[in-house]
């Protein structure tokens, strides 16, 4: 069992859990993920590692409550336990001194971009970070990102904080004004596609972290297939990071939508079993 040692509410529907998992923390690196299961009948879900503390033996995950399992996860409190917490999984980010890099995080994607920006800064890079959300109240980890960046730019869709518009607006402006050696973009698939298209004319290598449907996380089931450069890759063992200019984004979006109806029915079913209560 894996105890929850810290819980924070970062924004409406976005929560942070710090979990005691010494074996995972000891080997965790930026860019990797874990798969957790709350209890015996529970669903296995992948979550990117947002932080880790080797000395304390803890791993931090940040998630948005969008389906039944993440809502159930969000109702847990400090002292509660998780049945399974498997990882670290996936290939870690390739960290080296590239020169000047830009780290772009959108929505909950700011969580996994944080350890990447930190590792790139520690490797000697000049780190320009761009983070965004739909509104100010949904923006997360601003101070944490500022602490690992030489420059931090912020955007909100509604203009309630920072630049009014999208993270790609700020990215293009940076690319026009400065020589950039590499870009990382993490967030919703449509945002990562936009980041990749924004950098393509500038011929800047662009890395994205894919979040396909995933079951076992070890390459056996094939559910997490991603087409990259015309070849089939598995998000769990070949990724989760891929060349954004080579990803088949239309296929990725179609695959993410495959089980939307089933997910909605499952959420409605479990909410009805709980009497419609979504408290705690």
Protein backbone atom coordinates (compact mmCIF):
# COMPACT_ATOMS: atom_id res chain seq x y z
CA UNK A 1 0.00 0.00 0.00
CA UNK A 2 1.17 3.52 -0.80
CA UNK A 3 0.13 6.24 1.66
CA UNK A 4 -0.77 9.77 0.60
CA UNK A 5 1.41 12.09 2.69
CA UNK A 6 0.31 15.42 1.24
CA UNK A 7 -2.69 16.76 -0.65
CA UNK A 8 -3.14 20.20 -2.16
CA UNK A 9 -5.93 21.74 -4.20
CA UNK A 10 -4.13 23.78 -6.87
CA UNK A 11 -7.18 25.03 -8.76
CA UNK A 12 -10.82 24.07 -9.22
CA UNK A 13 -10.78 20.38 -10.14
CA UNK A 14 -6.96 20.16 -10.13
CA UNK A 15 -5.30 18.39 -7.22
CA UNK A 16 -1.81 17.40 -6.09
CA UNK A 17 -1.02 14.19 -4.26
CA UNK A 18 2.38 13.39 -2.77
CA UNK A 19 2.68 9.63 -2.33
CA UNK A 20 5.16 7.63 -0.28
CA UNK A 21 6.81 5.32 -2.83
CA UNK A 22 10.54 5.04 -2.06
CA UNK A 23 11.42 2.57 -4.82
CA UNK A 24 9.76 4.75 -7.46
CA UNK A 25 11.25 7.97 -6.09
CA UNK A 26 14.75 6.48 -6.08
CA UNK A 27 14.71 5.89 -9.85
CA UNK A 28 12.31 8.58 -11.10
CA UNK A 29 13.49 11.03 -13.74
CA UNK A 30 11.91 13.98 -15.53
CA UNK A 31 9.52 12.94 -18.29
CA UNK A 32 8.50 9.59 -16.81
CA UNK A 33 5.13 8.47 -15.49
CA UNK A 34 3.49 6.06 -13.07
CA UNK A 35 0.38 3.90 -13.23
CA UNK A 36 -1.77 3.77 -10.12
CA UNK A 37 -4.78 1.85 -8.94
CA UNK A 38 -6.83 3.06 -5.99
CA UNK A 39 -8.30 -0.28 -4.89
CA UNK A 40 -8.89 -3.87 -6.03
CA UNK A 41 -11.83 -3.17 -8.41
CA UNK A 42 -10.26 0.09 -9.53
CA UNK A 43 -9.09 1.21 -12.94
CA UNK A 44 -5.38 1.53 -13.73
CA UNK A 45 -4.57 5.08 -14.85
CA UNK A 46 -1.28 6.66 -15.98
CA UNK A 47 -0.17 9.96 -14.45
CA UNK A 48 3.00 11.85 -15.30
CA UNK A 49 5.48 12.41 -12.49
CA UNK A 50 5.30 16.07 -11.48
CA UNK A 51 8.05 15.89 -8.85
CA UNK A 52 9.99 13.45 -6.71
CA UNK A 53 12.03 13.57 -3.53
CA UNK A 54 14.60 10.81 -3.23
CA UNK A 55 15.46 11.69 0.39
CA UNK A 56 11.83 11.61 1.52
CA UNK A 57 10.94 8.71 -0.78
CA UNK A 58 7.95 10.53 -2.25
CA UNK A 59 6.53 11.03 -5.72
CA UNK A 60 4.16 13.87 -6.63
CA UNK A 61 1.38 13.60 -9.19
CA UNK A 62 -1.03 16.31 -10.33
CA UNK A 63 -4.30 15.50 -12.03
CA UNK A 64 -7.55 17.02 -13.19
CA UNK A 65 -10.83 15.44 -12.18
CA UNK A 66 -12.37 14.55 -15.54
CA UNK A 67 -13.64 10.97 -15.15
CA UNK A 68 -14.78 8.54 -12.49
CA UNK A 69 -11.32 7.40 -11.39
CA UNK A 70 -9.80 10.87 -11.15
CA UNK A 71 -12.84 12.05 -9.22
CA UNK A 72 -12.46 9.10 -6.85
CA UNK A 73 -8.75 9.90 -6.54
CA UNK A 74 -9.59 13.51 -5.75
CA UNK A 75 -11.77 12.44 -2.82
CA UNK A 76 -8.85 10.73 -1.08
CA UNK A 77 -7.16 12.56 1.78
CA UNK A 78 -3.79 12.54 3.53
CA UNK A 79 -3.40 9.21 5.30
CA UNK A 80 -5.45 7.29 2.73
CA UNK A 81 -3.60 4.68 0.66
CA UNK A 82 -3.33 3.55 -2.95
CA UNK A 83 -3.25 -0.16 -3.74
CA UNK A 84 -0.83 0.09 -6.69
CA UNK A 85 1.72 2.72 -7.64
CA UNK A 86 3.91 1.34 -10.43
CA UNK A 87 6.88 3.11 -11.96
CA UNK A 88 8.83 4.90 -13.06
CA UNK A 89 7.64 4.01 -16.56
CA UNK A 90 8.54 5.34 -19.99
CA UNK A 91 11.73 6.86 -21.30
CA UNK A 92 13.02 9.88 -19.37
CA UNK A 93 13.58 13.24 -21.03
CA UNK A 94 16.92 13.51 -22.81
CA UNK A 95 18.59 16.16 -20.69
CA UNK A 96 21.75 17.93 -21.86
CA UNK A 97 23.00 21.46 -22.39
CA UNK A 98 21.32 22.45 -25.65
CA UNK A 99 21.76 26.20 -25.16
CA UNK A 100 18.51 28.13 -25.10
CA UNK A 101 15.35 26.07 -24.64
CA UNK A 102 11.65 26.88 -24.33
CA UNK A 103 9.36 24.83 -22.11
CA UNK A 104 5.66 25.26 -22.88
CA UNK A 105 2.98 23.96 -20.51
CA UNK A 106 -0.75 24.25 -21.05
CA UNK A 107 -3.35 23.53 -18.37
CA UNK A 108 -2.42 20.48 -16.30
CA UNK A 109 0.53 20.04 -18.70
CA UNK A 110 2.38 22.59 -16.56
CA UNK A 111 2.82 19.79 -13.99
CA UNK A 112 5.00 17.47 -16.12
CA UNK A 113 6.85 20.37 -17.78
CA UNK A 114 8.08 21.54 -14.35
CA UNK A 115 10.60 18.73 -13.63
CA UNK A 116 11.79 18.94 -17.25
CA UNK A 117 12.44 22.68 -16.99
CA UNK A 118 14.22 22.13 -13.67
CA UNK A 119 16.47 19.41 -15.09
CA UNK A 120 17.27 21.50 -18.18
CA UNK A 121 18.16 24.47 -15.97
CA UNK A 122 20.41 22.28 -13.81
CA UNK A 123 22.15 21.08 -17.00
CA UNK A 124 23.15 24.67 -17.80
CA UNK A 125 20.50 25.68 -20.32
CA UNK A 126 18.90 29.10 -20.58
CA UNK A 127 15.29 28.20 -19.87
CA UNK A 128 12.39 30.29 -21.15
CA UNK A 129 9.11 28.92 -19.85
CA UNK A 130 5.63 29.64 -21.16
CA UNK A 131 2.61 28.50 -19.17
CA UNK A 132 -1.06 29.01 -19.83
CA UNK A 133 -4.59 28.15 -18.78
CA UNK A 134 -8.14 29.08 -19.68
CA UNK A 135 -8.25 31.59 -16.81
CA UNK A 136 -6.15 32.81 -13.90
CA UNK A 137 -7.89 30.55 -11.37
CA UNK A 138 -6.89 27.49 -13.41
CA UNK A 139 -3.22 28.45 -13.69
CA UNK A 140 -0.96 26.16 -11.66
CA UNK A 141 2.65 26.07 -10.43
CA UNK A 142 3.48 29.64 -11.45
CA UNK A 143 6.00 30.20 -8.66
CA UNK A 144 7.56 26.77 -9.10
CA UNK A 145 8.05 27.42 -12.82
CA UNK A 146 9.45 30.87 -12.14
CA UNK A 147 12.05 29.35 -9.80
CA UNK A 148 13.50 27.11 -12.53
CA UNK A 149 13.28 29.57 -15.44
CA UNK A 150 15.42 32.45 -16.65
CA UNK A 151 12.23 33.98 -18.03
CA UNK A 152 8.58 33.08 -17.44
CA UNK A 153 5.76 34.14 -19.75
CA UNK A 154 2.09 33.59 -18.87
CA UNK A 155 -1.06 33.55 -20.96
CA UNK A 156 -4.74 33.00 -20.26
CA UNK A 157 -7.42 32.41 -22.85
CA UNK A 158 -9.73 35.01 -21.31
CA UNK A 159 -7.04 37.59 -20.54
CA UNK A 160 -7.64 37.45 -16.78
CA UNK A 161 -3.87 37.17 -16.22
CA UNK A 162 -0.86 37.77 -18.42
CA UNK A 163 -1.17 37.71 -22.20
CA UNK A 164 -4.70 37.31 -23.53
CA UNK A 165 -4.56 34.42 -25.94
CA UNK A 166 -2.71 31.15 -26.31
CA UNK A 167 0.72 29.92 -25.29
CA UNK A 168 1.54 29.61 -28.99
CA UNK A 169 1.19 33.39 -29.39
CA UNK A 170 4.00 33.88 -26.89
CA UNK A 171 6.03 31.01 -28.35
CA UNK A 172 6.00 32.51 -31.85
CA UNK A 173 7.06 35.87 -30.44
CA UNK A 174 10.04 34.27 -28.68
CA UNK A 175 11.01 32.35 -31.80
CA UNK A 176 10.89 35.57 -33.85
CA UNK A 177 13.09 37.46 -31.40
CA UNK A 178 15.62 34.86 -30.26
CA UNK A 179 17.52 31.84 -31.47
CA UNK A 180 16.01 28.81 -29.76
CA UNK A 181 17.73 25.44 -29.79
CA UNK A 182 14.90 23.18 -28.61
CA UNK A 183 11.27 23.34 -27.51
CA UNK A 184 9.25 21.11 -25.20
CA UNK A 185 5.46 21.30 -25.24
CA UNK A 186 3.09 19.46 -22.89
CA UNK A 187 -0.64 19.90 -22.55
CA UNK A 188 -3.84 18.93 -24.34
CA UNK A 189 -3.26 17.20 -27.67
CA UNK A 190 -4.64 20.15 -29.64
CA UNK A 191 -2.21 22.45 -27.82
CA UNK A 192 0.79 20.19 -28.49
CA UNK A 193 -0.19 20.02 -32.15
CA UNK A 194 -0.35 23.84 -32.25
CA UNK A 195 3.06 24.12 -30.58
CA UNK A 196 4.56 21.73 -33.13
CA UNK A 197 3.06 23.64 -36.03
CA UNK A 198 4.28 26.94 -34.56
CA UNK A 199 7.89 25.74 -34.39
CA UNK A 200 7.93 23.96 -37.76
CA UNK A 201 8.68 27.07 -39.89
CA UNK A 202 11.58 27.89 -37.58
CA UNK A 203 12.99 24.35 -37.87
CA UNK A 204 13.40 24.10 -34.10
CA UNK A 205 13.38 20.52 -32.72
CA UNK A 206 10.17 20.11 -30.73
CA UNK A 207 9.45 17.43 -28.15
CA UNK A 208 5.93 16.58 -26.97
CA UNK A 209 4.69 14.18 -24.30
CA UNK A 210 1.86 12.00 -25.59
CA UNK A 211 -0.98 10.79 -23.38
CA UNK A 212 -2.69 8.04 -25.40
CA UNK A 213 -5.13 5.50 -24.01
CA UNK A 214 -3.03 3.14 -21.89
CA UNK A 215 -3.73 -0.16 -20.13
CA UNK A 216 -0.68 -2.05 -18.92
CA UNK A 217 2.09 0.51 -19.46
CA UNK A 218 4.69 -2.11 -20.42
CA UNK A 219 4.17 -2.47 -24.18
CA UNK A 220 2.08 -5.65 -24.15
CA UNK A 221 -1.45 -4.44 -24.88
CA UNK A 222 -0.77 -2.02 -27.75
CA UNK A 223 -3.56 0.33 -26.66
CA UNK A 224 -1.19 3.32 -26.54
CA UNK A 225 -0.22 3.20 -30.21
CA UNK A 226 1.03 6.46 -31.70
CA UNK A 227 2.05 7.02 -35.30
CA UNK A 228 5.38 8.86 -35.47
CA UNK A 229 7.09 9.42 -38.79
CA UNK A 230 4.84 6.83 -40.39
CA UNK A 231 5.86 4.16 -37.86
CA UNK A 232 3.78 2.74 -35.03
CA UNK A 233 5.24 3.51 -31.61
CA UNK A 234 3.99 2.63 -28.13
CA UNK A 235 3.53 5.60 -25.84
CA UNK A 236 4.45 3.59 -22.75
CA UNK A 237 7.81 2.11 -23.79
CA UNK A 238 8.91 4.20 -26.78
CA UNK A 239 7.68 7.43 -25.22
CA UNK A 240 5.94 9.26 -23.76
CA UNK A 241 8.09 11.90 -25.50
CA UNK A 242 8.23 12.08 -29.29
CA UNK A 243 9.25 14.45 -32.07
CA UNK A 244 6.24 16.73 -32.41
CA UNK A 245 6.95 17.32 -36.09
CA UNK A 246 6.62 13.59 -36.78
CA UNK A 247 3.46 12.78 -34.79
CA UNK A 248 0.28 11.99 -36.75
CA UNK A 249 -1.89 14.40 -34.77
CA UNK A 250 -5.17 13.66 -36.55
CA UNK A 251 -4.85 9.95 -35.73
CA UNK A 252 -3.90 10.75 -32.12
CA UNK A 253 -7.00 12.89 -31.71
CA UNK A 254 -9.26 10.21 -33.22
CA UNK A 255 -7.87 7.54 -30.91
CA UNK A 256 -8.40 9.72 -27.83
CA UNK A 257 -12.07 10.09 -28.78
CA UNK A 258 -12.67 6.34 -29.29
CA UNK A 259 -14.07 5.62 -25.82
CA UNK A 260 -15.56 8.99 -24.97
CA UNK A 261 -19.12 7.63 -24.86
CA UNK A 262 -18.11 4.68 -22.68
CA UNK A 263 -16.25 6.99 -20.31
CA UNK A 264 -19.29 9.24 -19.98
CA UNK A 265 -21.56 6.25 -19.28
CA UNK A 266 -19.16 4.89 -16.65
CA UNK A 267 -19.03 8.25 -14.89
CA UNK A 268 -22.82 8.57 -14.93
CA UNK A 269 -23.22 5.01 -13.64
CA UNK A 270 -20.91 5.51 -10.68
CA UNK A 271 -22.37 8.89 -9.83
CA UNK A 272 -25.83 7.32 -9.76
CA UNK A 273 -24.54 4.57 -7.46
CA UNK A 274 -23.26 7.27 -5.11
CA UNK A 275 -26.65 8.96 -5.19
CA UNK A 276 -25.34 11.83 -7.29
CA UNK A 277 -23.09 12.96 -4.45
CA UNK A 278 -19.84 14.53 -5.65
CA UNK A 279 -18.82 15.99 -2.31
CA UNK A 280 -15.59 15.81 -0.29
